Protein backbone atom coordinates (compact mmCIF):
# COMPACT_ATOMS: atom_id res chain seq x y z
CA UNK A 1 -0.01 -0.07 0.06
CA UNK A 2 2.61 2.77 0.83
CA UNK A 3 5.33 2.62 -1.49
CA UNK A 4 7.24 5.38 -1.35
CA UNK A 5 9.82 3.87 1.06
CA UNK A 6 10.05 0.56 -1.19
CA UNK A 7 11.11 3.04 -3.77
CA UNK A 8 13.17 5.42 -1.82
CA UNK A 9 16.74 4.01 -2.10
CA UNK A 10 16.46 3.39 -5.75
CA UNK A 11 16.35 7.11 -6.36
CA UNK A 12 19.55 8.14 -4.64
CA UNK A 13 21.76 7.49 -6.90
CA UNK A 14 20.17 10.30 -9.27
CA UNK A 15 21.79 13.50 -8.99
CA UNK A 16 20.30 16.51 -7.82
CA UNK A 17 22.00 20.08 -7.61
CA UNK A 18 22.90 21.17 -3.87
CA UNK A 19 20.20 23.62 -2.82
CA UNK A 20 20.98 26.45 -0.26
CA UNK A 21 18.87 27.52 2.87
CA UNK A 22 15.16 28.74 1.65
CA UNK A 23 13.75 31.14 3.74
CA UNK A 24 10.09 32.17 4.23
CA UNK A 25 9.20 35.21 2.87
CA UNK A 26 7.67 38.10 5.24
CA UNK A 27 3.62 36.76 5.56
CA UNK A 28 0.32 39.80 5.97
CA UNK A 29 -0.38 39.80 8.84
CA UNK A 30 -3.91 38.09 9.53
CA UNK A 31 -7.13 40.32 9.22
CA UNK A 32 -9.46 39.40 11.91
CA UNK A 33 -12.29 42.26 11.40
CA UNK A 34 -14.18 43.92 8.57
CA UNK A 35 -13.12 46.96 8.91
CA UNK A 36 -10.52 49.08 6.85
CA UNK A 37 -10.61 48.00 2.95
CA UNK A 38 -12.59 46.27 0.81
CA UNK A 39 -12.65 42.95 0.25
CA UNK A 40 -10.77 41.35 -2.80
CA UNK A 41 -13.81 38.33 -3.36
CA UNK A 42 -16.90 38.27 -1.50
CA UNK A 43 -18.47 35.13 -2.60
CA UNK A 44 -22.76 35.22 -2.08
CA UNK A 45 -25.72 33.93 -2.42
CA UNK A 46 -24.42 30.31 -2.02
CA UNK A 47 -24.62 27.51 0.89
CA UNK A 48 -21.42 27.95 3.29
CA UNK A 49 -20.36 24.59 4.78
CA UNK A 50 -17.60 26.20 7.22
CA UNK A 51 -16.37 23.14 9.49
CA UNK A 52 -16.83 25.98 12.45
CA UNK A 53 -18.54 23.33 14.83
CA UNK A 54 -20.43 26.85 16.61
CA UNK A 55 -21.29 28.18 13.55
CA UNK A 56 -21.01 25.42 10.99
CA UNK A 57 -23.41 27.26 8.28
CA UNK A 58 -23.61 30.80 6.40
CA UNK A 59 -24.61 32.22 3.06
CA UNK A 60 -21.42 34.30 2.31
CA UNK A 61 -17.75 35.05 2.35
CA UNK A 62 -15.61 38.14 1.92
CA UNK A 63 -11.73 37.43 1.40
CA UNK A 64 -9.23 40.21 1.76
CA UNK A 65 -5.45 39.68 0.75
CA UNK A 66 -4.71 36.48 1.96
CA UNK A 67 -7.14 36.32 4.90
CA UNK A 68 -11.09 35.48 4.99
CA UNK A 69 -12.61 38.86 7.10
CA UNK A 70 -16.42 37.70 6.86
CA UNK A 71 -18.68 35.04 6.80
CA UNK A 72 -21.98 35.86 7.89
CA UNK A 73 -25.42 36.89 5.53
CA UNK A 74 -25.20 38.33 2.00
CA UNK A 75 -25.52 41.70 3.30
CA UNK A 76 -22.48 41.40 5.24
CA UNK A 77 -20.15 40.17 3.14
CA UNK A 78 -21.40 42.66 0.04
CA UNK A 79 -21.15 45.45 2.65
CA UNK A 80 -17.25 45.37 1.52
CA UNK A 81 -17.17 44.94 -2.08
CA UNK A 82 -15.90 48.17 -3.44
CA UNK A 83 -15.14 48.63 -7.53
CA UNK A 84 -12.05 46.11 -7.35
CA UNK A 85 -13.54 43.76 -5.61
CA UNK A 86 -14.83 40.71 -7.54
CA UNK A 87 -18.25 39.67 -6.61
CA UNK A 88 -18.64 35.83 -7.63
CA UNK A 89 -22.71 34.43 -7.05
CA UNK A 90 -22.71 30.91 -5.98
CA UNK A 91 -26.21 30.70 -7.06
CA UNK A 92 -26.68 28.09 -4.47
CA UNK A 93 -23.56 25.68 -5.01
CA UNK A 94 -21.78 24.77 -1.38
CA UNK A 95 -18.11 26.47 -0.94
CA UNK A 96 -16.25 24.55 2.15
CA UNK A 97 -12.63 25.02 3.37
CA UNK A 98 -10.51 23.46 1.03
CA UNK A 99 -9.49 19.67 1.33
CA UNK A 100 -5.94 19.35 3.36
CA UNK A 101 -4.40 15.62 2.51
CA UNK A 102 -3.23 14.04 5.68
CA UNK A 103 -1.07 11.46 3.54
CA UNK A 104 -0.44 11.31 0.06
CA UNK A 105 3.05 11.06 -2.44
CA UNK A 106 3.06 13.83 -5.13
CA UNK A 107 6.26 13.37 -6.33
CA UNK A 108 5.86 9.06 -6.35
CA UNK A 109 2.79 9.54 -8.16
CA UNK A 110 3.36 12.31 -10.70
CA UNK A 111 6.53 10.06 -11.45
CA UNK A 112 4.57 6.64 -11.42
CA UNK A 113 1.20 7.83 -12.95
CA UNK A 114 2.30 9.94 -15.37
CA UNK A 115 0.96 7.84 -18.85
CA UNK A 116 -1.79 5.95 -19.53
CA UNK A 117 -4.66 5.56 -16.86
CA UNK A 118 -5.21 1.63 -16.52
CA UNK A 119 -7.29 1.80 -14.03
CA UNK A 120 -10.14 -1.05 -16.05
CA UNK A 121 -11.80 -3.45 -15.93
CA UNK A 122 -9.78 -5.81 -18.27
CA UNK A 123 -6.51 -6.24 -20.71
CA UNK A 124 -8.32 -5.64 -23.86
CA UNK A 125 -9.62 -2.19 -22.40
CA UNK A 126 -6.28 -1.52 -21.16
CA UNK A 127 -4.58 -2.59 -24.43
CA UNK A 128 -7.52 0.06 -26.28
CA UNK A 129 -6.23 2.69 -23.61
CA UNK A 130 -2.75 2.47 -24.57
CA UNK A 131 -3.34 2.48 -27.86
CA UNK A 132 -5.42 5.30 -28.14
CA UNK A 133 -2.46 7.22 -25.75
CA UNK A 134 0.03 6.07 -28.07
CA UNK A 135 -1.74 7.48 -31.29
CA UNK A 136 -2.38 10.97 -29.02
CA UNK A 137 1.20 11.03 -28.17
CA UNK A 138 3.19 9.82 -31.51
CA UNK A 139 6.84 10.50 -29.89
CA UNK A 140 8.95 9.06 -27.43
CA UNK A 141 8.01 6.13 -24.77
CA UNK A 142 4.39 4.99 -24.03
CA UNK A 143 3.93 4.87 -20.00
CA UNK A 144 1.39 4.52 -17.71
CA UNK A 145 -0.01 3.17 -14.24
CA UNK A 146 -2.35 1.20 -12.85
CA UNK A 147 -3.01 -2.38 -14.06
CA UNK A 148 -4.34 -4.49 -11.89
CA UNK A 149 -3.15 -8.50 -11.27
CA UNK A 150 -6.30 -10.13 -11.61
CA UNK A 151 -6.71 -8.48 -15.23
CA UNK A 152 -4.18 -11.65 -16.10
CA UNK A 153 -3.76 -14.91 -15.63
CA UNK A 154 -1.38 -16.73 -13.12
CA UNK A 155 1.71 -15.60 -15.15
CA UNK A 156 1.36 -12.42 -15.72
CA UNK A 157 1.43 -10.22 -18.45
CA UNK A 158 2.90 -10.54 -21.74
CA UNK A 159 4.78 -8.54 -24.38
CA UNK A 160 3.01 -10.02 -27.08
CA UNK A 161 0.19 -8.82 -26.23
CA UNK A 162 1.44 -5.37 -25.88
CA UNK A 163 3.43 -5.63 -29.12
CA UNK A 164 0.06 -5.74 -31.11
CA UNK A 165 -0.66 -2.29 -30.27
CA UNK A 166 3.21 -0.90 -29.49
CA UNK A 167 5.10 -2.66 -32.21
CA UNK A 168 8.09 -0.51 -32.46
CA UNK A 169 8.20 1.94 -29.71
CA UNK A 170 8.99 1.14 -26.12
CA UNK A 171 6.04 0.50 -23.54
CA UNK A 172 6.36 -0.02 -20.02
CA UNK A 173 3.83 0.40 -17.60
CA UNK A 174 3.41 0.46 -13.67
CA UNK A 175 1.14 -2.33 -11.48
CA UNK A 176 -1.19 -0.52 -9.46
CA UNK A 177 0.87 -1.62 -5.92
CA UNK A 178 4.33 -0.03 -7.74
CA UNK A 179 5.71 -3.39 -7.37
CA UNK A 180 5.82 -4.92 -11.03
CA UNK A 181 5.81 -4.02 -14.79
CA UNK A 182 4.32 -4.61 -17.86
CA UNK A 183 6.92 -4.03 -20.63
CA UNK A 184 6.82 -4.77 -24.33
CA UNK A 185 9.53 -5.84 -26.50
CA UNK A 186 11.03 -2.57 -27.61
CA UNK A 187 11.39 -1.61 -23.86
CA UNK A 188 13.08 -4.94 -22.91
CA UNK A 189 15.46 -4.82 -25.96
CA UNK A 190 16.30 -0.69 -24.74
CA UNK A 191 17.05 -2.12 -21.48
CA UNK A 192 19.56 -4.64 -22.96
CA UNK A 193 16.93 -7.68 -21.15
CA UNK A 194 16.87 -10.83 -23.14
CA UNK A 195 17.11 -14.60 -22.67
CA UNK A 196 20.39 -14.21 -20.64
CA UNK A 197 20.13 -11.45 -18.88
CA UNK A 198 20.45 -12.37 -15.13
CA UNK A 199 18.05 -11.67 -12.81
CA UNK A 200 18.85 -8.19 -10.68
CA UNK A 201 17.91 -9.92 -7.09
CA UNK A 202 17.14 -13.78 -8.03
CA UNK A 203 14.00 -14.89 -6.36
CA UNK A 204 12.59 -11.64 -5.40
CA UNK A 205 13.09 -9.08 -7.85
CA UNK A 206 13.27 -10.52 -11.88
CA UNK A 207 12.51 -11.06 -15.35
CA UNK A 208 9.69 -13.78 -15.37
CA UNK A 209 10.16 -15.79 -18.30
CA UNK A 210 8.84 -18.27 -20.53
CA UNK A 211 9.10 -22.13 -21.05
CA UNK A 212 12.27 -21.29 -23.33
CA UNK A 213 13.81 -18.47 -20.61
CA UNK A 214 12.88 -15.56 -22.77
CA UNK A 215 11.05 -12.47 -20.64
CA UNK A 216 7.64 -12.26 -21.22
CA UNK A 217 7.23 -8.38 -20.40
CA UNK A 218 6.44 -9.24 -16.42
CA UNK A 219 8.75 -7.34 -14.10
CA UNK A 220 9.02 -8.31 -10.22
CA UNK A 221 9.90 -5.19 -7.78
CA UNK A 222 12.14 -1.93 -7.91
CA UNK A 223 15.09 -3.45 -9.35
CA UNK A 224 14.08 -5.17 -12.42
CA UNK A 225 11.10 -2.14 -12.94
CA UNK A 226 13.86 0.86 -12.24
CA UNK A 227 16.49 -0.70 -14.81
CA UNK A 228 13.91 -0.99 -17.54
CA UNK A 229 12.69 2.70 -16.68
CA UNK A 230 16.26 3.94 -16.26
CA UNK A 231 17.07 2.54 -19.83
CA UNK A 232 14.10 3.51 -21.84
CA UNK A 233 13.48 7.37 -19.82
CA UNK A 234 16.19 8.34 -17.83
CA UNK A 235 14.97 9.51 -14.31
CA UNK A 236 16.14 12.97 -13.46
CA UNK A 237 15.64 15.73 -11.25
CA UNK A 238 14.27 17.66 -13.91
CA UNK A 239 12.11 14.93 -15.12
CA UNK A 240 10.82 14.56 -10.82
CA UNK A 241 9.91 17.91 -10.84
CA UNK A 242 8.44 18.28 -14.81
CA UNK A 243 5.97 15.35 -13.70
CA UNK A 244 4.94 17.12 -10.28
CA UNK A 245 3.74 20.33 -12.75
CA UNK A 246 2.21 18.60 -14.95
CA UNK A 247 0.07 17.06 -11.92
CA UNK A 248 -0.04 20.24 -10.01
CA UNK A 249 -3.42 21.53 -11.75
CA UNK A 250 -5.11 17.93 -11.33
CA UNK A 251 -4.40 18.31 -7.45
CA UNK A 252 -6.06 22.23 -7.93
CA UNK A 253 -9.24 20.71 -9.59
CA UNK A 254 -9.40 18.30 -7.21
CA UNK A 255 -9.19 21.23 -4.67
CA UNK A 256 -6.26 20.16 -2.31
CA UNK A 257 -5.15 23.33 -0.72
CA UNK A 258 -2.75 21.58 1.65
CA UNK A 259 -0.95 18.04 1.45
CA UNK A 260 1.43 16.03 3.90
CA UNK A 261 4.03 14.42 2.04
CA UNK A 262 4.61 11.37 3.57
CA UNK A 263 8.03 10.66 2.33
CA UNK A 264 9.54 11.74 -0.76
CA UNK A 265 12.11 9.72 -2.75
CA UNK A 266 15.47 11.13 -2.23
CA UNK A 267 16.98 12.21 -6.06
CA UNK A 268 20.80 12.58 -5.06
CA UNK A 269 21.94 11.90 -1.35
CA UNK A 270 19.37 14.17 0.64
CA UNK A 271 15.39 13.66 0.96
CA UNK A 272 15.75 17.46 1.10
CA UNK A 273 16.70 17.30 -2.51
CA UNK A 274 13.43 16.55 -3.68
CA UNK A 275 11.40 18.81 -0.80
CA UNK A 276 13.32 21.49 -1.90
CA UNK A 277 11.59 21.55 -5.42
CA UNK A 278 8.51 22.23 -4.18
CA UNK A 279 9.89 25.59 -3.37
CA UNK A 280 11.43 26.14 -6.23
CA UNK A 281 7.85 25.70 -7.57
CA UNK A 282 6.44 28.27 -5.41
CA UNK A 283 9.02 31.09 -6.06
CA UNK A 284 7.89 30.79 -9.55
CA UNK A 285 3.97 31.16 -8.41
CA UNK A 286 3.39 27.75 -9.91
CA UNK A 287 2.79 25.77 -6.18
CA UNK A 288 -1.15 25.47 -6.05
CA UNK A 289 -1.12 23.92 -2.51
CA UNK A 290 0.31 24.29 1.17
CA UNK A 291 3.13 21.26 2.21
CA UNK A 292 4.14 19.63 4.92
CA UNK A 293 6.68 17.13 4.52
CA UNK A 294 8.30 14.52 6.22
CA UNK A 295 11.95 13.26 7.13
CA UNK A 296 11.83 9.52 6.66
CA UNK A 297 13.48 6.73 8.94
CA UNK A 298 12.78 3.60 7.37
CA UNK A 299 15.17 1.14 9.27
CA UNK A 300 18.33 0.91 11.93
CA UNK A 301 20.82 2.47 12.34
CA UNK A 302 18.84 6.10 12.91
CA UNK A 303 21.26 7.51 15.82
CA UNK A 304 21.36 10.39 13.20
CA UNK A 305 17.34 10.66 12.70
CA UNK A 306 16.73 13.61 14.65
CA UNK A 307 19.64 15.73 13.65
CA UNK A 308 18.92 14.51 9.59
CA UNK A 309 15.46 16.31 10.07
CA UNK A 310 16.98 19.51 11.63
CA UNK A 311 18.94 20.19 8.95
CA UNK A 312 15.94 19.71 6.13
CA UNK A 313 13.48 21.68 8.41
CA UNK A 314 15.80 24.15 8.13
CA UNK A 315 17.27 24.25 4.96
CA UNK A 316 13.36 24.55 3.31
CA UNK A 317 11.19 26.45 5.16
CA UNK A 318 8.78 28.93 3.01
CA UNK A 319 5.82 30.58 3.34
CA UNK A 320 3.89 27.41 2.00
CA UNK A 321 6.78 24.44 2.39
CA UNK A 322 8.04 22.99 5.58
CA UNK A 323 9.23 19.97 7.32
CA UNK A 324 6.93 19.07 9.59
CA UNK A 325 7.46 15.64 10.98
CA UNK A 326 9.67 12.01 10.71
CA UNK A 327 7.77 9.29 9.17
CA UNK A 328 8.82 6.08 10.50
CA UNK A 329 8.24 3.07 8.22
CA UNK A 330 6.82 0.73 11.01
CA UNK A 331 6.06 -2.67 9.39
CA UNK A 332 5.52 -3.91 5.02
CA UNK A 333 2.12 -4.45 3.96
CA UNK A 334 -0.42 -7.56 4.23
CA UNK A 335 -0.08 -7.74 0.73
CA UNK A 336 3.53 -9.23 0.65
CA UNK A 337 3.46 -10.55 4.39
CA UNK A 338 5.21 -8.01 5.70
CA UNK A 339 2.85 -6.33 7.99
CA UNK A 340 3.52 -7.08 11.60
CA UNK A 341 0.21 -9.12 12.91
CA UNK A 342 -0.94 -10.02 16.38
CA UNK A 343 -1.58 -13.71 14.99
CA UNK A 344 0.16 -15.29 12.49
CA UNK A 345 -1.52 -15.06 8.90
CA UNK A 346 -4.39 -17.19 8.15
CA UNK A 347 -2.81 -18.16 4.95
CA UNK A 348 1.15 -18.30 5.89
CA UNK A 349 0.73 -19.65 9.44
CA UNK A 350 4.09 -19.79 10.02
CA UNK A 351 4.17 -15.90 9.89
CA UNK A 352 3.45 -13.04 11.66
CA UNK A 353 5.54 -10.48 9.31
CA UNK A 354 7.69 -7.96 11.04
CA UNK A 355 8.61 -4.86 11.36
CA UNK A 356 12.36 -2.86 10.73
CA UNK A 357 12.98 -2.28 14.59
CA UNK A 358 12.62 -4.24 17.40
CA UNK A 359 10.44 -3.31 20.24
CA UNK A 360 13.60 -1.92 22.25
CA UNK A 361 14.61 0.09 19.40
CA UNK A 362 10.79 1.45 18.76
CA UNK A 363 11.19 2.50 22.09
CA UNK A 364 14.55 3.99 21.95
CA UNK A 365 14.03 5.70 18.34
CA UNK A 366 10.44 7.19 19.36
CA UNK A 367 11.69 8.32 22.87
CA UNK A 368 14.39 10.68 21.53
CA UNK A 369 12.23 12.08 18.55
CA UNK A 370 9.70 13.24 21.21
CA UNK A 371 12.15 14.40 23.83
CA UNK A 372 13.92 16.50 20.75
CA UNK A 373 10.23 17.94 20.00
CA UNK A 374 9.09 16.34 16.81
CA UNK A 375 6.40 14.84 16.03
CA UNK A 376 5.74 11.48 14.12
CA UNK A 377 3.89 9.79 11.76
CA UNK A 378 4.32 6.00 11.91
CA UNK A 379 3.03 3.84 9.30
CA UNK A 380 1.24 1.01 10.78
CA UNK A 381 -0.50 -1.47 8.29
CA UNK A 382 -0.61 -4.10 10.67
CA UNK A 383 -2.04 -4.56 14.40
CA UNK A 384 1.03 -5.43 15.93
CA UNK A 385 3.07 -2.53 14.62
CA UNK A 386 0.26 0.38 15.73
CA UNK A 387 0.18 -1.49 19.09
CA UNK A 388 3.99 -1.43 19.42
CA UNK A 389 3.69 1.99 18.38
CA UNK A 390 0.95 3.25 20.93
CA UNK A 391 3.28 1.55 23.59
CA UNK A 392 6.68 3.87 22.76
CA UNK A 393 4.37 6.90 21.90
CA UNK A 394 2.68 6.57 25.39
CA UNK A 395 5.91 5.84 27.25
CA UNK A 396 7.36 8.72 25.88
CA UNK A 397 4.72 11.48 26.64
CA UNK A 398 4.82 9.93 30.08
CA UNK A 399 8.68 10.50 30.36
CA UNK A 400 9.19 13.62 28.31
CA UNK A 401 7.84 17.12 29.58
CA UNK A 402 4.26 18.28 28.36
CA UNK A 403 4.30 19.67 25.01
CA UNK A 404 1.23 20.20 22.42
CA UNK A 405 1.72 16.72 20.36
CA UNK A 406 0.79 15.81 17.07
CA UNK A 407 1.85 12.08 16.73
CA UNK A 408 -0.16 10.44 14.12
CA UNK A 409 -0.45 6.61 13.41
CA UNK A 410 -1.08 5.52 9.33
CA UNK A 411 -3.39 3.16 7.76
CA UNK A 412 -4.50 0.61 10.65
CA UNK A 413 -5.91 -2.09 8.32
CA UNK A 414 -6.85 -3.48 11.55
CA UNK A 415 -6.66 -2.89 15.09
CA UNK A 416 -6.43 -5.53 17.92
CA UNK A 417 -8.20 -5.55 20.99
CA UNK A 418 -9.20 -2.47 22.70
CA UNK A 419 -6.12 -0.19 20.84
CA UNK A 420 -9.11 1.67 19.00
CA UNK A 421 -9.29 3.26 22.39
CA UNK A 422 -5.81 4.17 23.15
CA UNK A 423 -5.75 6.91 20.53
CA UNK A 424 -8.57 9.00 22.38
CA UNK A 425 -7.12 8.41 25.87
CA UNK A 426 -3.51 9.49 24.64
CA UNK A 427 -4.13 12.12 22.20
CA UNK A 428 -2.37 10.11 19.13
CA UNK A 429 -3.86 11.00 15.70
CA UNK A 430 -5.58 8.29 13.86
CA UNK A 431 -5.12 8.31 10.00
CA UNK A 432 -7.02 6.46 7.60
CA UNK A 433 -7.08 6.40 3.72
CA UNK A 434 -11.11 6.09 3.18
CA UNK A 435 -10.50 5.07 -0.27
CA UNK A 436 -9.55 1.87 0.69
CA UNK A 437 -12.52 0.74 2.61
CA UNK A 438 -14.64 -0.41 -0.17
CA UNK A 439 -14.75 -4.31 -0.74
CA UNK A 440 -13.26 -4.47 -3.87
CA UNK A 441 -11.60 -7.44 -5.07
CA UNK A 442 -7.93 -6.68 -3.11
CA UNK A 443 -9.95 -6.59 0.13
CA UNK A 444 -12.51 -9.12 0.19
CA UNK A 445 -10.14 -11.78 -1.68
CA UNK A 446 -6.75 -10.78 -0.72
CA UNK A 447 -6.90 -9.41 2.44
CA UNK A 448 -9.31 -11.59 3.57
CA UNK A 449 -7.19 -14.97 2.24
CA UNK A 450 -4.36 -13.33 4.44
CA UNK A 451 -6.40 -12.40 7.66
CA UNK A 452 -9.23 -14.70 7.54
CA UNK A 453 -12.29 -15.10 9.73
CA UNK A 454 -13.43 -13.16 12.19
CA UNK A 455 -10.06 -10.61 10.96
CA UNK A 456 -11.10 -10.30 7.63
CA UNK A 457 -14.82 -8.87 8.42
CA UNK A 458 -13.43 -5.96 10.85
CA UNK A 459 -11.10 -3.99 8.74
CA UNK A 460 -10.54 0.25 9.04
CA UNK A 461 -12.94 0.33 12.64
CA UNK A 462 -12.96 4.24 12.41
CA UNK A 463 -15.96 4.94 14.18
CA UNK A 464 -14.35 3.18 16.74
CA UNK A 465 -11.86 5.30 16.99
CA UNK A 466 -14.05 8.39 17.01
CA UNK A 467 -16.59 6.71 19.42
CA UNK A 468 -13.97 6.69 22.14
CA UNK A 469 -12.49 10.27 21.44
CA UNK A 470 -9.85 9.81 18.72
CA UNK A 471 -8.65 12.47 16.22
CA UNK A 472 -9.05 11.50 12.67
CA UNK A 473 -7.50 12.47 9.71
CA UNK A 474 -8.24 11.75 6.02
CA UNK A 475 -5.35 11.20 3.11
CA UNK A 476 -5.44 9.23 0.02
CA UNK A 477 -2.08 7.18 0.16
CA UNK A 478 -2.04 8.21 -3.61
CA UNK A 479 -0.54 6.43 -5.74
CA UNK A 480 -0.35 3.64 -3.43
CA UNK A 481 -3.39 1.17 -3.67
CA UNK A 482 -4.27 -2.01 -3.79
CA UNK A 483 -7.46 -1.92 -5.97
CA UNK A 484 -8.04 1.87 -6.37
CA UNK A 485 -6.15 4.54 -6.76
CA UNK A 486 -6.84 8.13 -6.58
CA UNK A 487 -5.75 11.60 -4.79
CA UNK A 488 -9.21 12.99 -5.28
CA UNK A 489 -10.38 13.37 -2.31
CA UNK A 490 -14.05 13.55 -3.08
CA UNK A 491 -13.68 9.76 -4.26
CA UNK A 492 -11.68 9.17 -0.90
CA UNK A 493 -14.73 10.76 1.05
CA UNK A 494 -17.30 9.23 -0.90
CA UNK A 495 -16.17 5.58 0.01
CA UNK A 496 -15.45 6.66 3.82
CA UNK A 497 -19.03 7.14 3.77
CA UNK A 498 -20.43 4.23 1.51
CA UNK A 499 -17.48 1.63 2.02
CA UNK A 500 -18.66 0.88 -1.46
CA UNK A 501 -16.75 0.64 -4.67
CA UNK A 502 -17.61 3.97 -6.84
CA UNK A 503 -19.99 3.77 -9.72
CA UNK A 504 -22.50 0.89 -8.28
CA UNK A 505 -24.79 1.86 -5.62
CA UNK A 506 -25.80 -1.92 -4.57
CA UNK A 507 -21.92 -3.18 -4.67
CA UNK A 508 -21.25 -4.92 -1.53
CA UNK A 509 -20.35 -3.09 1.59
CA UNK A 510 -17.42 -3.42 3.31
CA UNK A 511 -18.17 -5.12 7.06
CA UNK A 512 -18.63 -4.04 9.19
CA UNK A 513 -21.00 -1.75 7.82
CA UNK A 514 -21.47 0.29 11.12
CA UNK A 515 -18.39 1.54 10.36
CA UNK A 516 -19.28 4.07 7.77
CA UNK A 517 -18.77 7.46 8.25
CA UNK A 518 -21.67 10.71 7.96
CA UNK A 519 -20.26 12.68 5.47
CA UNK A 520 -20.05 15.46 7.95
CA UNK A 521 -16.96 13.31 9.89
CA UNK A 522 -15.31 12.77 6.41
CA UNK A 523 -15.18 16.28 5.57
CA UNK A 524 -13.58 17.03 8.82
CA UNK A 525 -11.47 14.57 8.64
CA UNK A 526 -10.24 15.80 4.80
CA UNK A 527 -10.27 19.58 6.22
CA UNK A 528 -9.80 20.74 9.67
CA UNK A 529 -8.92 17.10 11.63
CA UNK A 530 -5.56 16.74 8.60
CA UNK A 531 -5.04 20.32 9.22
CA UNK A 532 -4.68 19.62 12.85
CA UNK A 533 -2.32 16.57 11.95
CA UNK A 534 -0.12 19.12 10.47
CA UNK A 535 -0.48 21.55 12.98
CA UNK A 536 -2.26 24.29 10.86
CA UNK A 537 -5.84 23.82 12.24
CA UNK A 538 -5.50 27.47 13.52
CA UNK A 539 -5.04 28.70 9.77
CA UNK A 540 -6.73 26.75 7.94
CA UNK A 541 -9.39 23.78 7.65
CA UNK A 542 -12.64 25.73 8.38
CA UNK A 543 -14.46 28.87 7.14
CA UNK A 544 -13.68 31.22 10.00
CA UNK A 545 -12.64 35.08 9.81
CA UNK A 546 -8.86 35.65 10.52
CA UNK A 547 -8.21 32.23 8.48
CA UNK A 548 -5.93 31.67 5.70
CA UNK A 549 -8.59 32.07 2.33
CA UNK A 550 -8.17 28.31 1.44
CA UNK A 551 -11.63 27.50 -0.16
CA UNK A 552 -13.31 25.40 -2.69
CA UNK A 553 -16.58 26.01 -4.53
CA UNK A 554 -18.48 22.07 -5.54
CA UNK A 555 -21.40 22.75 -7.89
CA UNK A 556 -23.46 20.31 -5.70
CA UNK A 557 -24.26 20.28 -1.80
CA UNK A 558 -22.46 17.03 -0.99
CA UNK A 559 -23.43 17.04 2.76
CA UNK A 560 -27.29 16.93 1.04
CA UNK A 561 -28.26 14.25 -1.25
CA UNK A 562 -27.19 10.72 -2.29
CA UNK A 563 -23.84 9.96 -0.79
CA UNK A 564 -23.14 7.56 -3.77
CA UNK A 565 -23.34 10.88 -6.24
CA UNK A 566 -20.22 12.30 -3.96
CA UNK A 567 -17.31 11.48 -6.49
CA UNK A 568 -19.85 13.80 -9.20
CA UNK A 569 -19.34 16.71 -7.78
CA UNK A 570 -17.69 19.11 -9.54
CA UNK A 571 -14.91 21.54 -7.95
CA UNK A 572 -15.58 25.01 -9.85
CA UNK A 573 -13.11 27.09 -7.73
CA UNK A 574 -10.00 26.45 -5.84
CA UNK A 575 -8.73 29.52 -4.04
CA UNK A 576 -5.43 28.72 -1.68
CA UNK A 577 -4.03 31.63 0.05
CA UNK A 578 -6.77 33.96 -1.46
CA UNK A 579 -5.54 33.13 -4.58
CA UNK A 580 -7.73 31.15 -7.15
CA UNK A 581 -5.73 28.60 -8.64
CA UNK A 582 -8.49 26.56 -10.73
CA UNK A 583 -11.70 28.08 -11.67
CA UNK A 584 -14.31 26.63 -14.71
CA UNK A 585 -18.16 27.63 -14.85
CA UNK A 586 -18.22 30.42 -12.47
CA UNK A 587 -20.06 33.89 -13.05
């Protein structure tokens, strides 16, 4: 599921120029009243969902500079309109806070998903999409992302089928899990992969072969995959930035105004090399969202973790971009039997998975980071990882001086015993990717096989966390997925509310059905809840006077209507920091 950490070491050899420390420009003082000069924007005649529990609804908003200066009725907001104010008639549409993505990988997602979208039902559909894309893009290699293993037989995809639509141009396509690839004969030829080519890591990362020993076009794991990519379309700093910039307008169109980047691939020797690219884009006025990035620790030794995080934080610090947390990769995923479980896998009874850290190391690492006053974001797909992380965090909180902490544990596929209740008691945040909550084939077949009954019927128990006072944030974890990869918060919100795949209102509901979120809960988790996680709830996440003008307008009210239609809502305006970064169909 979470792929950035698998990919990270393989980018380390890619060169990146040294980047000096980037300083924050002076920010304007927040305006906290409606007096003074005219507003720059007035949104009126709408439904304003503020996500402010004390005043959840209004009908108009005024913005001056980067700040919201009025939230209330039409008359009060229009009173601030002057000759240069842009007045936008919402005509009954919904205005709400911009989405805050609590766990996403923009660089990795832009890199992997560049090209053809292959999240389609069958191999024939995939081939048709590839052929159409190739016709529209007649030069260079053809690449794409999103095919699923269940589209093919047990031996996986073949180069011959790709050759039927791409006979003379390299073509290579990432699977939705980002751990395997489908390549055509030309791509294999350019990479020098043939019958006599040794596998990069025999038995782990390799080229699937036919009965004659020839590569079939199915490549497994990152070493083999990345070798082919580099031979056909070499990875570079400029390339990573170019692909991100191509994706940024889509993020704005999806209504994303802030992100927690939960792990970047390090281009060059330092993770900060890639994080600094955000700041470069910001300087050019092209960054449509705020970024709180993380410094990742994935295995021992970790004695320099605090120092390396501090260096990254000091090096990249601008108005919109900062390094805010240490990301700890606590285990792997259930699909690869590397998530750390409390009881053995149902289909591999001799294994409970594992963690890169012993329990002693867990406590040492967490205590050192907490003692330095740094927040942590912990990858925990397995329930033992979640429990050990809770144990280590609670011990550190008890041992170290009191402070305002924002520690978070992410993914939480399954929680054992009473662990759900510990989030509320400890103040530790629970981060979920609601777009994983559907009864899709990966969950009800593959994940069910890993866990068996009764565990398979108790995944993603988000209401258990909320009922016991825990804080919940949402983030898509794009591009990582088992079945449905999306960066769109509206997709994630709908699945969190229905626990069904998008597109079929009568689709199977993932058990337990009572864990479905309300629309208000899901919106809160993807706005104010995620803003709290990244220490920005005093600035963004709700529509309140004095907060930054990070706002979106939707063409329908997603809080009132069939939840199966939430994904159909269109973001017609995205405003970040008082600047419109996406607009379509407005007055």
